[in-house]
Structure formats: structure tokens, C-alpha cells
Amino acid sequence: MKITSFLFCSLFCWKANFLLSQSPISINPLGFSINTEFTETHPLLTADGKTLYFSSTRPFTPAEQKRNVESRANIYRCLFNEDSQAWEEAQALPEVINDTESNNTAFALSNDGQLMLFYRKDSQGKGNVYATKLIGNSWGVPMLISDFGIAAHSVSGSISSDNKTFYFIGKSELNGDSTDIWTGKITENGSVYDISRMKDAINSADEVTSVFLHPDGKTLYLSASTFSDNFDVFSSQLDSTKWKSPIRISEPINSSSFDRDFTMAANGQFAIFASNRNNGQFDLFVAKDLAKAVTPSSLTLLNGLIKDAESGQPIQAQMNVSSLMSQSTFGTFYSNKASGKYLISLPSHGKNYALNILAQNYLLHSENIKCTNSFNELEKIISLQKIKIGNSASLNNIKFEEKDTQILPESAIEINQFYLFMLNNPTLKIELSVVSLIPNSSILDKQLSMKRAVELKNQLVRLGISKKRIKLIKIPKHAKIGGNEGIHYLIVRV
């Protein structure tokens, strides 16, 4: 039985949030490039807010287009034009995704837009969930992943920013049970396992029809039935390990009509949702100026591209992100094969992250990502050096105790990454140098630098790397190096 106090909370929160209805939130239909005389629902945004996927029943096949008649649901993509500040004309995804004999509904998208889960329901009424990955510029052949055991009504979901957790709407097989929010673990190819119904107050509504987890990992938006028998948009905040009671967000996002499928860009500047408020037919709407209606995000949106340092050609690379504070892996991501572009949402909260980039035939590349307690967009164009004699790279997440040779514990993540790099390239020999400066100067502290280099080499040897593969560089005692401390390695043999 559902918690009846939720209805009281809904009414109370509606009154409380009515005070916010005077805030300058603007609500507008997305326009003719997206909305049609047919139904548009299930919007999905990449975290940067530049790519939109949605479902529509507009004419799809040539015969339907000629007669201008409604089709089965199909999935469309639309790009945001930075120059015109408007959405371009929506384009249907190919038939490898949009099966002409089925209803096709996209309902979950990874933050970088390279993994999509969608629901396909055939003419016999049988529905299944599929996963597809963006390979370069094309979506791969969909893979049947699971019916979750509770596939009925599984037409809305959300993937966490670390690509590890999947939130979705489901309904158990128990008679009289309602739709709720469920979670599962998700693999790199989209398979879902360890399914469980969310607990706490998050599932206190009679019915839930859509769910969206903000890239900050701490804000959940859901569309749920209320005392008025409509569906309205609510939000819930993660408090430590529990989700708080959902709170109905302010007008004019919610209305007397059905408002659902809420999704938001990572920066919180705009949201897109489906509503039938205009003419009884579902269209997509954009809400802007949301400062008084949503919780500010503590989030760093890391984006850019990875390319070859010599040719400038894009590279598909593996990007391992780890939290230096907790010494744990946050997630593994990949740059796009065709463009080299990447997009990673990092919940900030003052954390620092280690970013290690691996690509076949290239040196291990290291970046230190410093996050603030607010939203920040950070662009990094990263050039990778090929594995060849004379090329070098830096290790930016290995740190020592001040004025000492002891390696700090948070360095273990990157040391292990470098160990694996050396292990996977067993013929490499390197020159290793540690640059440490005399305090408040640009003069090399030669003795400390060499002692630290010895300690780092010993650490790698203890892990299993032959000491013959690592040569230590001696740097002139009074060398001026421009104030750049760090750890560097140079390829001397391949």
C-alpha cells in the first residue's frame, strides 16, 4: 500500500511552490523543427544539452509521408545550432533502430550520448529492451539485453553519470501493484542486472511514469500521479544514502495537464519535458531561467577531444577516471571513434580526479582534474604522443610528502595505471625524471629529485617491472626549469 501522506505532501508542496510561480521561468514549445501535429514524447539530452533524442508518431515511411498519416512511434535526433541558438531539423534514426513493424521508444541515454537504451514493442504487443552504441557516426546493431523481469511500462529510464547504475520505471507481476522506480547495475554494453525496487520515500506515489537522474548524481526528477489524477514533475535529493520525499516543483513547469518525461542539461540552464497542455496532444516544451525552481549542481562537465599529437587525427581512447580523495575508480569512458570527442560529468563537491588516457600504440597520458563546489565546464583538447623513441609524457597524479621522498597514498591509482602501461608494452625502456624545486624558487633541488625518482622506480620494480627498463635522469643541479615540478618519462627503446 502506498504512503497516503504523499498526497498531503503533494498538496502542501504545491502550496509552498506556488510562491515560486512568480519566478521568471519561461515555458515555450520547442518549435516546428521538433514538434508536429503528431505526438512527441520521451526527450533525452546529452549532458552538454547539445543533442536531443525523442520519440514521435509523425509519418515515417514514404507511404505515410505521402498521405501525412500517423506512424508507429519512432526515434529522432536533433542538434543544437550554436550560431543560430536554435534546434535544427529533427532527423529520424535509421531503420536499424526504427523497426518499421514496431513502436520504438528511446528511454535512456548515457551522459555522453554514446549508449542508448530503447523499448521496442511489436505489432503483437510484445515489448523488449534493446541497447545500441554509437560507433563513430553510426548506431550499432541493437542488442536485446533484458526484459528486467518487469518489462511492462519500462518506457522511461536514466543512466548515472558514471555509467554504473540504471534507473527505470517498472512494474512487478504482483496483482494490483503500481509502476515504481527500480534500479539495476549496467554494463558497458548496456546489459542490466541486480534489479531491485527503490526504497525510501521515493516510491510513495500511486504511479510513476518517468524518471531522470541529473548528472550530479544527487538530484532525481520523476513524473508521478497526484491528488488531481494528473502527472506532475517532482524532484528528490539524495541525503547520504537515502532519497528524500519527492517535492512538486513550481509552476509553470507543472500545469493542470499531464507533465512528464522531464530531462535537463547538466548546467541547469534549461530543461525539456513532454506535456499535453496546449491542445491535448503531447508536444515537447523547453523551460528556461530555472534558478529558483531547481537545486544548483555541484558538477564539473569535462569535454573536448583526443587527437594524435603529430597528425591531429581523432583517436578513440579509453579514459579512466578515479577519485583521488577516495582512491576509487569513478568510471571508464571512451572518446568517439570518428570525432575524438568526449563528454564526462564529474560530481564535484570539491573533489579532485585523476584522468588516465590509454590508446593502442600511444603513451599513457595523465591529467589532474580539480573541481569546485559549483557548476564548472572544463574543456581539454588532449594530444597523445605515439610510442616511439624520443617521445615523452608526464604523470600528474603522483605526489610526494612535502620535502620528503614518501609517496602519498592517493598516488597509488596512477602508479598502477603506469604499471599496467609498462606491462602491456613489455619491450619499452624509459628514462624517468622527478623534478622537485627548492621552495619559492625555480631552482632544481637535485638531491630530493633523484631520491624521489629512486623511490618511484623502486615502487614500480616492487610491482613487477624490471629495473633494467627504467633509467633515472640526472639533471644539472642549478637547472632553471620555469617553476614546473612534475614527473616525466621518455621513451628510449621500443
Protein backbone atom coordinates (compact mmCIF):
# COMPACT_ATOMS: atom_id res chain seq x y z
CA MET A 1 0.00 0.00 0.00
CA LYS A 2 1.27 3.46 -0.86
CA ILE A 3 2.02 6.04 1.79
CA THR A 4 -1.05 8.27 1.98
CA SER A 5 0.98 11.11 3.46
CA PHE A 6 2.46 11.59 -0.01
CA LEU A 7 -0.84 13.14 -1.12
CA PHE A 8 -0.75 15.56 1.77
CA CYS A 9 2.89 16.33 0.95
CA SER A 10 1.90 16.90 -2.67
CA LEU A 11 -0.76 19.39 -1.66
CA PHE A 12 1.50 21.10 0.87
CA CYS A 13 4.40 21.28 -1.54
CA TRP A 14 2.08 22.58 -4.25
CA LYS A 15 1.11 25.46 -1.98
CA ALA A 16 4.71 26.08 -0.96
CA ASN A 17 5.93 26.03 -4.52
CA PHE A 18 3.14 28.30 -5.69
CA LEU A 19 5.15 31.11 -4.15
CA LEU A 20 7.82 30.34 -6.71
CA SER A 21 5.40 30.65 -9.61
CA GLN A 22 6.26 34.32 -9.78
CA SER A 23 9.84 33.41 -10.72
CA PRO A 24 10.77 34.28 -14.31
CA ILE A 25 10.64 30.68 -15.58
CA SER A 26 9.75 30.70 -19.25
CA ILE A 27 7.93 27.79 -20.90
CA ASN A 28 7.76 27.51 -24.67
CA PRO A 29 7.06 24.76 -27.22
CA LEU A 30 10.27 23.62 -28.87
CA GLY A 31 9.08 24.78 -32.28
CA PHE A 32 8.36 23.35 -35.70
CA SER A 33 11.81 21.80 -36.11
CA ILE A 34 10.77 19.30 -33.40
CA ASN A 35 7.03 19.49 -32.67
CA THR A 36 4.48 18.44 -35.29
CA GLU A 37 0.75 17.85 -35.45
CA PHE A 38 1.55 14.35 -34.17
CA THR A 39 2.78 13.14 -30.76
CA GLU A 40 6.26 13.96 -29.42
CA THR A 41 7.42 12.46 -26.11
CA HIS A 42 10.41 10.94 -24.25
CA PRO A 43 13.07 13.62 -24.72
CA LEU A 44 16.66 12.63 -23.90
CA LEU A 45 19.53 15.14 -23.68
CA THR A 46 23.27 14.68 -23.68
CA ALA A 47 24.78 16.31 -20.59
CA ASP A 48 26.03 19.32 -22.55
CA GLY A 49 22.50 20.00 -23.82
CA LYS A 50 23.60 19.96 -27.47
CA THR A 51 21.98 16.75 -28.71
CA LEU A 52 18.35 15.79 -28.23
CA TYR A 53 16.67 12.45 -28.90
CA PHE A 54 12.92 11.99 -28.68
CA SER A 55 10.06 9.79 -29.89
CA SER A 56 7.38 10.86 -32.37
CA THR A 57 4.44 9.32 -34.23
CA ARG A 58 4.90 11.62 -37.25
CA PRO A 59 4.83 9.92 -40.71
CA PHE A 60 7.92 7.75 -41.06
CA THR A 61 7.70 5.55 -44.15
CA PRO A 62 7.44 7.12 -47.64
CA ALA A 63 3.83 5.95 -47.89
CA GLU A 64 2.95 7.55 -44.55
CA GLN A 65 4.70 10.77 -45.51
CA LYS A 66 2.84 10.93 -48.81
CA ARG A 67 -0.53 10.58 -47.06
CA ASN A 68 0.57 12.54 -43.94
CA VAL A 69 -0.80 9.89 -41.59
CA GLU A 70 0.34 8.89 -38.12
CA SER A 71 3.03 6.26 -37.84
CA ARG A 72 4.15 3.98 -35.07
CA ALA A 73 6.46 5.67 -32.58
CA ASN A 74 10.00 6.21 -33.88
CA ILE A 75 13.17 7.82 -32.53
CA TYR A 76 14.53 11.14 -33.83
CA ARG A 77 17.68 13.16 -33.23
CA CYS A 78 18.09 16.92 -33.22
CA LEU A 79 21.26 19.03 -32.86
CA PHE A 80 21.50 22.46 -31.26
CA ASN A 81 22.99 25.09 -33.58
CA GLU A 82 25.35 27.31 -31.60
CA ASP A 83 25.31 30.06 -34.24
CA SER A 84 21.55 30.43 -34.56
CA GLN A 85 20.88 29.37 -30.95
CA ALA A 86 18.10 27.12 -32.21
CA TRP A 87 17.41 23.43 -32.70
CA GLU A 88 17.99 22.14 -36.21
CA GLU A 89 15.52 20.00 -38.13
CA ALA A 90 14.96 16.64 -36.44
CA GLN A 91 16.19 13.57 -38.30
CA ALA A 92 14.89 10.02 -37.89
CA LEU A 93 17.37 7.40 -36.78
CA PRO A 94 17.98 4.64 -39.37
CA GLU A 95 15.86 1.52 -39.59
CA VAL A 96 18.45 -0.48 -37.69
CA ILE A 97 16.94 1.38 -34.71
CA ASN A 98 13.49 2.34 -36.01
CA ASP A 99 11.99 -1.02 -36.93
CA THR A 100 9.04 -0.19 -39.20
CA GLU A 101 6.95 -3.05 -37.77
CA SER A 102 7.30 -1.88 -34.17
CA ASN A 103 6.87 1.05 -31.82
CA ASN A 104 10.34 2.33 -30.94
CA THR A 105 10.82 4.48 -27.86
CA ALA A 106 14.16 5.78 -26.61
CA PHE A 107 14.14 5.98 -22.83
CA ALA A 108 17.72 6.15 -21.54
CA LEU A 109 20.89 7.83 -22.78
CA SER A 110 24.38 7.95 -21.31
CA ASN A 111 25.65 11.44 -20.44
CA ASP A 112 27.94 11.47 -23.47
CA GLY A 113 25.24 10.18 -25.82
CA GLN A 114 27.18 7.08 -26.86
CA LEU A 115 24.93 4.44 -25.26
CA MET A 116 21.17 4.36 -25.79
CA LEU A 117 18.57 2.02 -24.35
CA PHE A 118 15.22 1.85 -26.09
CA TYR A 119 11.95 -0.05 -25.90
CA ARG A 120 10.59 -1.84 -28.96
CA LYS A 121 7.04 -3.13 -28.98
CA ASP A 122 5.96 -5.25 -31.95
CA SER A 123 2.57 -5.50 -33.64
CA GLN A 124 1.65 -8.46 -31.39
CA GLY A 125 2.12 -6.27 -28.33
CA LYS A 126 5.34 -7.91 -27.15
CA GLY A 127 7.91 -5.47 -25.82
CA ASN A 128 11.65 -5.81 -25.27
CA VAL A 129 14.50 -3.57 -24.24
CA TYR A 130 17.50 -3.09 -26.53
CA ALA A 131 20.86 -1.37 -26.22
CA THR A 132 22.81 0.28 -29.00
CA LYS A 133 26.18 2.06 -29.02
CA LEU A 134 27.30 4.98 -31.14
CA ILE A 135 30.26 3.77 -33.18
CA GLY A 136 31.76 6.81 -34.84
CA ASN A 137 28.79 8.44 -36.56
CA SER A 138 26.54 5.37 -36.73
CA TRP A 139 24.46 3.48 -34.21
CA GLY A 140 25.37 -0.18 -33.91
CA VAL A 141 23.01 -3.12 -34.33
CA PRO A 142 20.72 -3.19 -31.28
CA MET A 143 21.33 -5.91 -28.74
CA LEU A 144 18.44 -7.49 -26.84
CA ILE A 145 19.50 -7.04 -23.24
CA SER A 146 16.68 -7.99 -20.89
CA ASP A 147 13.05 -7.61 -20.07
CA PHE A 148 14.22 -6.87 -16.50
CA GLY A 149 11.66 -9.39 -15.32
CA ILE A 150 9.26 -6.45 -15.03
CA ALA A 151 9.23 -5.12 -18.58
CA ALA A 152 5.67 -3.80 -18.54
CA HIS A 153 5.74 0.01 -18.64
CA SER A 154 9.55 0.08 -18.90
CA VAL A 155 9.50 3.11 -21.18
CA SER A 156 11.44 5.61 -19.10
CA GLY A 157 14.89 5.36 -17.60
CA SER A 158 18.12 7.17 -16.82
CA ILE A 159 21.80 6.21 -16.73
CA SER A 160 24.04 7.60 -13.97
CA SER A 161 26.97 9.82 -14.93
CA ASP A 162 29.49 7.10 -14.04
CA ASN A 163 27.66 4.64 -16.36
CA LYS A 164 27.28 2.17 -13.50
CA THR A 165 23.63 2.48 -12.41
CA PHE A 166 20.40 2.37 -14.38
CA TYR A 167 17.17 3.88 -13.03
CA PHE A 168 13.94 2.89 -14.76
CA ILE A 169 10.18 2.66 -14.44
CA GLY A 170 8.90 -0.86 -13.89
CA LYS A 171 6.00 -2.86 -12.60
CA SER A 172 6.20 -6.16 -10.80
CA GLU A 173 3.98 -9.10 -11.66
CA LEU A 174 2.02 -8.80 -8.41
CA ASN A 175 -1.67 -8.10 -8.98
CA GLY A 176 -2.60 -4.53 -8.20
CA ASP A 177 0.98 -3.33 -7.99
CA SER A 178 1.76 0.07 -9.48
CA THR A 179 4.61 1.42 -11.54
CA ASP A 180 7.63 2.36 -9.46
CA ILE A 181 11.25 3.38 -9.86
CA TRP A 182 13.66 0.48 -10.00
CA THR A 183 17.44 0.34 -10.23
CA GLY A 184 19.98 -2.04 -11.64
CA LYS A 185 23.65 -2.20 -12.42
CA ILE A 186 24.55 -1.58 -16.04
CA THR A 187 27.45 -2.96 -18.03
CA GLU A 188 29.48 -1.26 -20.75
CA ASN A 189 27.32 -2.83 -23.47
CA GLY A 190 24.03 -1.90 -21.78
CA SER A 191 23.09 -5.15 -20.06
CA VAL A 192 21.25 -4.63 -16.77
CA TYR A 193 21.46 -6.88 -13.70
CA ASP A 194 20.95 -6.86 -9.91
CA ILE A 195 17.47 -5.37 -10.32
CA SER A 196 15.72 -4.01 -7.22
CA ARG A 197 12.85 -1.67 -6.43
CA MET A 198 13.98 1.62 -4.91
CA LYS A 199 13.13 2.02 -1.26
CA ASP A 200 12.79 5.11 0.92
CA ALA A 201 10.11 7.71 0.21
CA ILE A 202 10.92 7.95 -3.49
CA ASN A 203 8.25 5.40 -4.41
CA SER A 204 5.42 6.83 -2.35
CA ALA A 205 3.30 7.99 -5.31
CA ASP A 206 0.43 5.93 -6.73
CA GLU A 207 2.01 5.75 -10.19
CA VAL A 208 5.30 6.93 -11.66
CA THR A 209 5.63 7.39 -15.40
CA SER A 210 9.12 8.81 -15.96
CA VAL A 211 12.45 9.21 -14.18
CA PHE A 212 15.60 11.26 -14.81
CA LEU A 213 18.79 11.33 -12.73
CA HIS A 214 20.67 14.60 -13.08
CA PRO A 215 24.40 14.23 -13.93
CA ASP A 216 25.23 15.50 -10.42
CA GLY A 217 24.09 12.09 -9.14
CA LYS A 218 22.16 13.67 -6.26
CA THR A 219 19.00 15.03 -7.90
CA LEU A 220 16.26 12.77 -9.23
CA TYR A 221 13.30 14.06 -11.25
CA LEU A 222 10.18 11.95 -11.66
CA SER A 223 6.72 12.36 -13.07
CA ALA A 224 4.12 10.96 -10.71
CA SER A 225 0.36 10.94 -10.26
CA THR A 226 -1.03 13.37 -7.68
CA PHE A 227 -4.24 14.15 -5.86
CA SER A 228 -5.53 15.75 -9.08
CA ASP A 229 -5.13 12.49 -11.06
CA ASN A 230 -2.64 14.21 -13.34
CA PHE A 231 1.05 13.53 -13.68
CA ASP A 232 3.31 16.28 -12.37
CA VAL A 233 7.08 16.68 -12.15
CA PHE A 234 8.70 16.16 -8.73
CA SER A 235 12.28 16.25 -7.52
CA SER A 236 14.10 14.36 -4.79
CA GLN A 237 17.51 14.92 -3.25
CA LEU A 238 19.90 12.20 -2.14
CA ASP A 239 20.67 12.62 1.55
CA SER A 240 23.72 10.48 2.26
CA THR A 241 22.37 7.09 1.12
CA LYS A 242 18.61 7.81 1.18
CA TRP A 243 16.34 9.71 -1.18
CA LYS A 244 14.15 12.37 0.40
CA SER A 245 10.40 12.62 -0.14
CA PRO A 246 9.65 13.97 -3.63
CA ILE A 247 8.69 17.64 -3.81
CA ARG A 248 6.49 19.00 -6.56
CA ILE A 249 8.44 21.64 -8.47
CA SER A 250 6.98 25.02 -9.22
CA GLU A 251 4.65 26.30 -11.88
CA PRO A 252 4.72 26.92 -14.76
CA ILE A 253 6.62 23.65 -15.36
CA ASN A 254 3.68 21.82 -13.84
CA SER A 255 0.18 22.61 -15.03
CA SER A 256 -3.34 21.24 -14.86
CA SER A 257 -2.40 18.88 -17.71
CA PHE A 258 -0.07 15.88 -17.89
CA ASP A 259 3.58 16.89 -17.50
CA ARG A 260 6.16 14.14 -17.84
CA ASP A 261 9.50 12.96 -19.31
CA PHE A 262 11.50 15.74 -17.63
CA THR A 263 15.18 15.99 -18.62
CA MET A 264 17.76 18.71 -18.02
CA ALA A 265 21.13 19.89 -19.29
CA ALA A 266 23.96 19.44 -16.78
CA ASN A 267 24.36 23.22 -16.29
CA GLY A 268 20.72 23.50 -15.16
CA GLN A 269 20.04 26.39 -17.54
CA PHE A 270 17.19 24.65 -19.33
CA ALA A 271 15.02 21.55 -19.17
CA ILE A 272 12.88 19.78 -21.74
CA PHE A 273 9.71 17.85 -20.97
CA ALA A 274 6.57 16.50 -22.62
CA SER A 275 3.13 17.96 -21.92
CA ASN A 276 -0.36 17.95 -23.44
CA ARG A 277 -1.14 21.42 -22.05
CA ASN A 278 -1.76 23.16 -25.38
CA ASN A 279 -4.21 21.07 -27.37
CA GLY A 280 -4.46 17.73 -25.60
CA GLN A 281 -1.68 16.30 -27.76
CA PHE A 282 1.78 15.71 -26.34
CA ASP A 283 4.50 18.08 -27.53
CA LEU A 284 7.95 18.92 -26.21
CA PHE A 285 8.45 22.10 -24.20
CA VAL A 286 11.57 23.91 -23.02
CA ALA A 287 11.80 25.55 -19.60
CA LYS A 288 14.44 28.26 -19.07
CA ASP A 289 15.54 30.52 -16.21
CA LEU A 290 15.26 27.71 -13.69
CA ALA A 291 17.41 29.18 -10.91
CA LYS A 292 14.55 29.41 -8.38
CA ALA A 293 12.98 26.08 -9.28
CA VAL A 294 15.92 23.66 -9.25
CA THR A 295 18.80 22.88 -6.93
CA PRO A 296 22.16 24.23 -8.16
CA SER A 297 24.51 21.46 -9.25
CA SER A 298 27.96 20.78 -7.91
CA LEU A 299 29.29 19.39 -11.14
CA THR A 300 32.26 19.62 -13.49
CA LEU A 301 31.39 18.96 -17.13
CA LEU A 302 34.61 17.80 -18.76
CA ASN A 303 34.62 17.86 -22.55
CA GLY A 304 36.95 18.17 -25.50
CA LEU A 305 38.63 15.87 -27.99
CA ILE A 306 41.56 13.49 -28.18
CA LYS A 307 43.86 13.61 -31.16
CA ASP A 308 47.23 12.45 -32.47
CA ALA A 309 49.94 14.94 -31.50
CA GLU A 310 51.57 14.78 -34.94
CA SER A 311 48.74 14.37 -37.44
CA GLY A 312 45.89 15.94 -35.49
CA GLN A 313 43.66 12.98 -36.41
CA PRO A 314 40.98 12.00 -33.86
CA ILE A 315 41.67 9.00 -31.63
CA GLN A 316 39.31 6.60 -29.92
CA ALA A 317 40.85 6.29 -26.46
CA GLN A 318 39.95 4.73 -23.13
CA MET A 319 39.58 7.31 -20.37
CA ASN A 320 39.89 6.02 -16.81
CA VAL A 321 38.63 8.47 -14.18
CA SER A 322 39.38 7.95 -10.48
CA SER A 323 38.64 9.92 -7.34
CA LEU A 324 41.87 10.91 -5.62
CA MET A 325 40.02 11.57 -2.37
CA SER A 326 38.52 8.09 -2.04
CA GLN A 327 41.20 6.33 -4.13
CA SER A 328 38.47 4.60 -6.08
CA THR A 329 37.52 4.26 -9.73
CA PHE A 330 34.76 6.64 -10.81
CA GLY A 331 34.21 5.32 -14.32
CA THR A 332 35.62 4.31 -17.69
CA PHE A 333 34.72 6.32 -20.77
CA TYR A 334 35.68 6.45 -24.45
CA SER A 335 36.25 9.22 -26.93
CA ASN A 336 34.24 8.95 -30.15
CA LYS A 337 35.92 6.95 -32.89
CA ALA A 338 35.08 9.40 -35.69
CA SER A 339 35.44 12.77 -33.97
CA GLY A 340 37.68 12.07 -30.99
CA LYS A 341 35.19 14.00 -28.84
CA TYR A 342 34.38 13.05 -25.27
CA LEU A 343 32.00 14.24 -22.57
CA ILE A 344 32.25 13.28 -18.90
CA SER A 345 30.09 14.52 -16.00
CA LEU A 346 32.01 14.62 -12.72
CA PRO A 347 30.08 15.25 -9.49
CA SER A 348 32.29 17.89 -7.89
CA HIS A 349 31.79 18.56 -4.19
CA GLY A 350 35.39 19.81 -4.06
CA LYS A 351 36.87 16.54 -5.33
CA ASN A 352 39.96 16.09 -7.45
CA TYR A 353 40.06 13.39 -10.10
CA ALA A 354 42.83 11.53 -11.90
CA LEU A 355 42.26 11.14 -15.63
CA ASN A 356 44.39 8.49 -17.34
CA ILE A 357 44.07 8.07 -21.09
CA LEU A 358 45.09 4.91 -22.91
CA ALA A 359 45.12 4.20 -26.64
CA GLN A 360 46.88 1.48 -28.59
CA ASN A 361 50.39 2.50 -29.73
CA TYR A 362 50.30 5.72 -27.65
CA LEU A 363 51.92 6.83 -24.41
CA LEU A 364 49.87 6.86 -21.24
CA HIS A 365 48.53 10.41 -20.81
CA SER A 366 47.75 11.85 -17.37
CA GLU A 367 45.58 14.81 -16.31
CA ASN A 368 44.65 16.15 -12.89
CA ILE A 369 41.07 17.48 -12.77
CA LYS A 370 40.41 19.97 -9.98
CA CYS A 371 36.72 20.51 -9.21
CA THR A 372 34.93 23.32 -7.42
CA ASN A 373 31.77 23.20 -5.32
CA SER A 374 29.66 24.70 -8.10
CA PHE A 375 28.98 24.01 -11.77
CA ASN A 376 32.02 24.31 -13.99
CA GLU A 377 32.56 23.48 -17.65
CA LEU A 378 36.11 22.44 -18.43
CA GLU A 379 37.36 21.90 -21.98
CA LYS A 380 40.54 19.94 -22.64
CA ILE A 381 41.99 19.26 -26.09
CA ILE A 382 44.36 16.37 -25.48
CA SER A 383 47.18 15.37 -27.84
CA LEU A 384 48.58 11.87 -27.46
CA GLN A 385 52.19 11.01 -28.27
CA LYS A 386 52.88 7.83 -30.19
CA ILE A 387 55.13 5.20 -28.64
CA LYS A 388 58.43 5.92 -30.30
CA ILE A 389 61.95 6.82 -29.25
CA GLY A 390 62.24 10.42 -28.10
CA ASN A 391 58.59 10.97 -27.21
CA SER A 392 57.71 11.79 -23.62
CA ALA A 393 54.74 12.36 -21.31
CA SER A 394 54.06 13.45 -17.71
CA LEU A 395 52.46 11.74 -14.74
CA ASN A 396 50.40 14.39 -12.97
CA ASN A 397 48.77 12.41 -10.16
CA ILE A 398 51.80 11.00 -8.35
CA LYS A 399 52.60 13.17 -5.32
CA PHE A 400 55.15 13.10 -2.51
CA GLU A 401 55.13 14.26 1.09
CA GLU A 402 56.41 17.84 1.30
CA LYS A 403 60.23 17.92 1.37
CA ASP A 404 60.23 14.13 1.59
CA THR A 405 60.54 11.05 -0.62
CA GLN A 406 57.46 9.28 0.70
CA ILE A 407 54.82 8.78 -1.99
CA LEU A 408 51.34 9.91 -0.90
CA PRO A 409 48.61 7.23 -0.77
CA GLU A 410 46.45 8.88 -3.47
CA SER A 411 49.29 8.26 -5.94
CA ALA A 412 48.54 4.53 -5.97
CA ILE A 413 45.88 4.90 -8.68
CA GLU A 414 48.24 6.43 -11.23
CA ILE A 415 51.19 4.26 -10.28
CA ASN A 416 49.02 1.23 -11.01
CA GLN A 417 47.93 2.74 -14.34
CA PHE A 418 51.56 3.31 -15.32
CA TYR A 419 52.49 -0.19 -14.19
CA LEU A 420 49.77 -1.64 -16.48
CA PHE A 421 51.01 0.54 -19.34
CA MET A 422 54.55 -0.81 -18.92
CA LEU A 423 53.22 -4.35 -18.53
CA ASN A 424 51.24 -4.11 -21.77
CA ASN A 425 54.27 -2.77 -23.62
CA PRO A 426 56.94 -5.21 -22.40
CA THR A 427 59.75 -4.07 -24.74
CA LEU A 428 59.66 -0.41 -23.68
CA LYS A 429 62.58 1.16 -21.86
CA ILE A 430 62.20 4.62 -20.36
CA GLU A 431 64.13 7.43 -18.74
CA LEU A 432 62.34 8.60 -15.59
CA SER A 433 62.80 12.01 -14.01
CA VAL A 434 61.24 13.70 -10.99
CA VAL A 435 61.54 17.48 -10.93
CA SER A 436 61.42 18.97 -7.42
CA LEU A 437 62.18 22.63 -6.76
CA ILE A 438 63.83 24.46 -3.91
CA PRO A 439 60.91 26.19 -2.10
CA ASN A 440 59.94 29.60 -3.50
CA SER A 441 62.33 29.33 -6.45
CA SER A 442 62.68 27.87 -9.93
CA ILE A 443 65.93 26.10 -8.98
CA LEU A 444 66.02 22.32 -9.09
CA ASP A 445 66.52 20.50 -5.79
CA LYS A 446 68.76 17.89 -7.37
CA GLN A 447 69.17 15.68 -4.32
CA LEU A 448 65.46 15.48 -3.50
CA SER A 449 64.56 15.00 -7.16
CA MET A 450 66.88 12.00 -7.51
CA LYS A 451 65.73 10.43 -4.21
CA ARG A 452 62.10 10.72 -5.28
CA ALA A 453 62.89 9.20 -8.68
CA VAL A 454 64.62 6.27 -6.95
CA GLU A 455 61.59 5.74 -4.70
CA LEU A 456 59.20 5.78 -7.66
CA LYS A 457 61.39 3.35 -9.61
CA ASN A 458 61.56 1.04 -6.60
CA GLN A 459 57.77 1.12 -6.33
CA LEU A 460 57.42 0.05 -9.98
CA VAL A 461 60.04 -2.66 -9.52
CA ARG A 462 58.15 -3.99 -6.48
CA LEU A 463 55.06 -4.26 -8.68
CA GLY A 464 56.97 -6.37 -11.16
CA ILE A 465 58.63 -4.05 -13.71
CA SER A 466 62.27 -4.97 -14.41
CA LYS A 467 64.68 -2.36 -13.07
CA LYS A 468 66.60 -2.64 -16.35
CA ARG A 469 63.68 -0.99 -18.14
CA ILE A 470 63.87 2.21 -16.06
CA LYS A 471 66.81 4.58 -16.22
CA LEU A 472 66.94 7.63 -13.95
CA ILE A 473 67.89 11.00 -15.47
CA LYS A 474 70.39 13.25 -13.76
CA ILE A 475 69.56 16.94 -14.20
CA PRO A 476 72.15 19.71 -13.64
CA LYS A 477 71.95 20.99 -10.06
CA HIS A 478 71.16 24.59 -10.92
CA ALA A 479 68.98 23.96 -13.93
CA LYS A 480 66.23 26.54 -14.41
CA ILE A 481 63.05 24.76 -15.39
CA GLY A 482 60.45 27.53 -15.26
CA GLY A 483 58.85 26.51 -11.98
CA ASN A 484 57.37 23.29 -13.38
CA GLU A 485 57.55 20.47 -10.87
CA GLY A 486 56.47 17.07 -12.04
CA ILE A 487 57.23 13.52 -13.09
CA HIS A 488 58.20 12.77 -16.68
CA TYR A 489 59.10 9.70 -18.69
CA LEU A 490 60.91 9.49 -22.01
CA ILE A 491 60.94 6.54 -24.41
CA VAL A 492 64.49 5.34 -25.13
CA ARG A 493 63.70 1.93 -26.61
CA VAL A 494 60.60 0.31 -28.12
